[in-house]
Each structure stands twice: as C-alpha cells, then as structure tokens.
Amino acid sequence: MPKMKSHRGTAKRFRRTGTGKIMHAHAFKSHILTKKSPKRIRNFRKEAEVSKADAKNVNARLG
C-alpha cells in the first residue's frame, strides 16, 4: 500500500517545530492596514502556536 499523502493546503499553512508544536501565521495582515497600529502589524509577523483543540486535526493532515 502506498504512503499517505499530506494535505497540500495544510502543509503550506502550518509547520511543525522540532519539539512538535504546530505553528501558523497570523491572520489580518493582508489589507486594511491603515487603521491598525504599527505595533499590531509588527506582531502579526510572528508565528503563533495552534491551539491544543485544533492541533490534533492539523497534525493528522500534515502527515
């Protein structure tokens, strides 16, 4: 039986760290940035950890 393929949409949006955490990019960074403070925009650059409730689901799709 062939290997299971990872879900390509998920693979592009999430990454797994060395310790096994699943990270994702922040939302709300793409447009309508004029009303958002520079500090807020700056913080969108950092990755955030996926919540425990969602991590199991994402992990299954990453393969």
N, C-alpha and C. Protein backbone atom coordinates (compact mmCIF):
# COMPACT_ATOMS: atom_id res chain seq x y z
N MET A 1 0.85 -1.19 0.00
CA MET A 1 0.00 0.00 0.00
C MET A 1 0.89 1.25 0.00
N PRO A 2 0.55 2.25 -0.82
CA PRO A 2 1.39 3.45 -0.88
C PRO A 2 1.27 4.31 0.38
N LYS A 3 2.24 5.19 0.55
CA LYS A 3 2.22 6.11 1.69
C LYS A 3 1.05 7.07 1.57
N MET A 4 0.56 7.53 2.71
CA MET A 4 -0.49 8.55 2.72
C MET A 4 0.13 9.89 2.33
N LYS A 5 -0.57 10.65 1.51
CA LYS A 5 -0.08 11.98 1.13
C LYS A 5 -0.53 12.99 2.17
N SER A 6 0.31 13.99 2.40
CA SER A 6 -0.09 15.06 3.31
C SER A 6 -1.02 15.99 2.55
N HIS A 7 -1.91 16.64 3.25
CA HIS A 7 -2.86 17.59 2.66
C HIS A 7 -2.07 18.83 2.26
N ARG A 8 -1.95 19.12 0.97
CA ARG A 8 -1.06 20.16 0.49
C ARG A 8 -1.47 21.55 0.96
N GLY A 9 -2.76 21.81 1.08
CA GLY A 9 -3.24 23.11 1.58
C GLY A 9 -2.80 23.34 3.01
N THR A 10 -2.87 22.29 3.81
CA THR A 10 -2.46 22.36 5.21
C THR A 10 -0.95 22.52 5.31
N ALA A 11 -0.22 21.79 4.47
CA ALA A 11 1.24 21.81 4.51
C ALA A 11 1.79 23.21 4.22
N LYS A 12 1.07 23.98 3.41
CA LYS A 12 1.52 25.33 3.06
C LYS A 12 1.21 26.35 4.16
N ARG A 13 0.27 26.03 5.03
CA ARG A 13 -0.17 26.99 6.05
C ARG A 13 0.41 26.76 7.44
N PHE A 14 0.84 25.54 7.70
CA PHE A 14 1.33 25.20 9.04
C PHE A 14 2.71 24.58 8.95
N ARG A 15 3.46 24.69 10.05
CA ARG A 15 4.74 23.97 10.11
C ARG A 15 4.91 23.39 11.50
N ARG A 16 5.63 22.29 11.56
CA ARG A 16 5.88 21.62 12.82
C ARG A 16 7.28 21.98 13.29
N THR A 17 7.41 22.36 14.56
CA THR A 17 8.72 22.71 15.12
C THR A 17 9.46 21.44 15.52
N GLY A 18 10.69 21.61 15.92
CA GLY A 18 11.49 20.47 16.37
C GLY A 18 10.91 19.78 17.58
N THR A 19 10.23 20.54 18.42
CA THR A 19 9.64 19.96 19.64
C THR A 19 8.24 19.41 19.41
N GLY A 20 7.72 19.58 18.18
CA GLY A 20 6.41 19.01 17.85
C GLY A 20 5.25 19.98 17.90
N LYS A 21 5.51 21.24 18.25
CA LYS A 21 4.44 22.23 18.24
C LYS A 21 4.07 22.54 16.79
N ILE A 22 2.82 22.94 16.57
CA ILE A 22 2.39 23.32 15.23
C ILE A 22 2.18 24.83 15.22
N MET A 23 2.85 25.49 14.28
CA MET A 23 2.83 26.94 14.21
C MET A 23 2.06 27.40 12.96
N HIS A 24 1.47 28.59 13.06
CA HIS A 24 0.76 29.16 11.91
C HIS A 24 1.01 30.66 11.86
N ALA A 25 0.81 31.24 10.69
CA ALA A 25 0.97 32.68 10.53
C ALA A 25 -0.29 33.38 11.05
N HIS A 26 -0.14 34.62 11.49
CA HIS A 26 -1.28 35.40 11.97
C HIS A 26 -2.18 35.80 10.81
N ALA A 27 -3.45 35.92 11.08
CA ALA A 27 -4.41 36.44 10.11
C ALA A 27 -4.46 37.97 10.23
N PHE A 28 -5.22 38.62 9.39
CA PHE A 28 -5.47 40.07 9.42
C PHE A 28 -4.26 40.92 9.02
N LYS A 29 -3.33 40.38 8.27
CA LYS A 29 -2.11 41.11 7.89
C LYS A 29 -2.13 41.56 6.43
N SER A 30 -3.13 41.13 5.65
CA SER A 30 -3.06 41.31 4.21
C SER A 30 -3.54 42.68 3.70
N HIS A 31 -4.58 43.24 4.27
CA HIS A 31 -5.09 44.51 3.76
C HIS A 31 -5.81 45.28 4.86
N ILE A 32 -6.24 46.49 4.54
CA ILE A 32 -6.85 47.42 5.51
C ILE A 32 -5.90 47.61 6.69
N LEU A 33 -4.66 47.94 6.39
CA LEU A 33 -3.65 48.07 7.42
C LEU A 33 -3.56 49.49 7.99
N THR A 34 -4.21 50.45 7.33
CA THR A 34 -4.09 51.85 7.77
C THR A 34 -4.69 52.08 9.15
N LYS A 35 -5.74 51.37 9.46
CA LYS A 35 -6.39 51.56 10.77
C LYS A 35 -5.75 50.74 11.88
N LYS A 36 -4.83 49.84 11.52
CA LYS A 36 -4.16 49.01 12.51
C LYS A 36 -2.87 49.68 12.95
N SER A 37 -2.60 49.61 14.24
CA SER A 37 -1.42 50.28 14.78
C SER A 37 -0.15 49.56 14.32
N PRO A 38 0.97 50.30 14.23
CA PRO A 38 2.22 49.69 13.83
C PRO A 38 2.63 48.52 14.74
N LYS A 39 2.35 48.67 16.02
CA LYS A 39 2.68 47.60 16.97
C LYS A 39 1.90 46.33 16.64
N ARG A 40 0.62 46.52 16.31
CA ARG A 40 -0.23 45.38 15.98
C ARG A 40 0.24 44.70 14.69
N ILE A 41 0.55 45.50 13.69
CA ILE A 41 1.03 44.97 12.41
C ILE A 41 2.35 44.23 12.61
N ARG A 42 3.22 44.78 13.44
CA ARG A 42 4.52 44.18 13.73
C ARG A 42 4.34 42.81 14.39
N ASN A 43 3.37 42.71 15.29
CA ASN A 43 3.12 41.45 15.99
C ASN A 43 2.52 40.38 15.08
N PHE A 44 1.90 40.80 13.97
CA PHE A 44 1.36 39.83 13.01
C PHE A 44 2.47 39.06 12.31
N ARG A 45 3.70 39.60 12.32
CA ARG A 45 4.83 38.94 11.65
C ARG A 45 5.21 37.64 12.35
N LYS A 46 5.03 37.60 13.65
CA LYS A 46 5.42 36.41 14.43
C LYS A 46 4.46 35.26 14.17
N GLU A 47 4.98 34.06 14.26
CA GLU A 47 4.12 32.89 14.16
C GLU A 47 3.45 32.65 15.51
N ALA A 48 2.32 31.99 15.48
CA ALA A 48 1.61 31.65 16.71
C ALA A 48 1.40 30.14 16.76
N GLU A 49 1.30 29.62 17.96
CA GLU A 49 1.08 28.18 18.11
C GLU A 49 -0.40 27.87 17.91
N VAL A 50 -0.68 26.77 17.25
CA VAL A 50 -2.05 26.31 17.05
C VAL A 50 -2.59 25.83 18.39
N SER A 51 -3.86 26.10 18.66
CA SER A 51 -4.46 25.69 19.93
C SER A 51 -4.48 24.16 20.03
N LYS A 52 -4.49 23.68 21.26
CA LYS A 52 -4.48 22.24 21.50
C LYS A 52 -5.68 21.55 20.84
N ALA A 53 -6.82 22.24 20.85
CA ALA A 53 -8.04 21.67 20.28
C ALA A 53 -7.90 21.44 18.78
N ASP A 54 -7.18 22.34 18.09
CA ASP A 54 -7.02 22.23 16.64
C ASP A 54 -5.78 21.44 16.23
N ALA A 55 -4.82 21.33 17.12
CA ALA A 55 -3.53 20.72 16.79
C ALA A 55 -3.67 19.27 16.33
N LYS A 56 -4.53 18.52 16.96
CA LYS A 56 -4.71 17.11 16.61
C LYS A 56 -5.22 16.98 15.18
N ASN A 57 -6.16 17.84 14.82
CA ASN A 57 -6.73 17.84 13.48
C ASN A 57 -5.70 18.21 12.41
N VAL A 58 -4.92 19.26 12.69
CA VAL A 58 -3.90 19.72 11.76
C VAL A 58 -2.80 18.68 11.63
N ASN A 59 -2.43 18.08 12.74
CA ASN A 59 -1.37 17.07 12.77
C ASN A 59 -1.69 15.89 11.86
N ALA A 60 -2.94 15.50 11.85
CA ALA A 60 -3.37 14.37 11.02
C ALA A 60 -3.22 14.69 9.54
N ARG A 61 -3.46 15.94 9.18
CA ARG A 61 -3.39 16.35 7.77
C ARG A 61 -1.96 16.63 7.31
N LEU A 62 -1.07 16.94 8.26
CA LEU A 62 0.33 17.19 7.88
C LEU A 62 1.03 15.90 7.48
N GLY A 63 0.52 14.80 7.95
CA GLY A 63 1.09 13.51 7.55
C GLY A 63 2.23 13.05 8.41
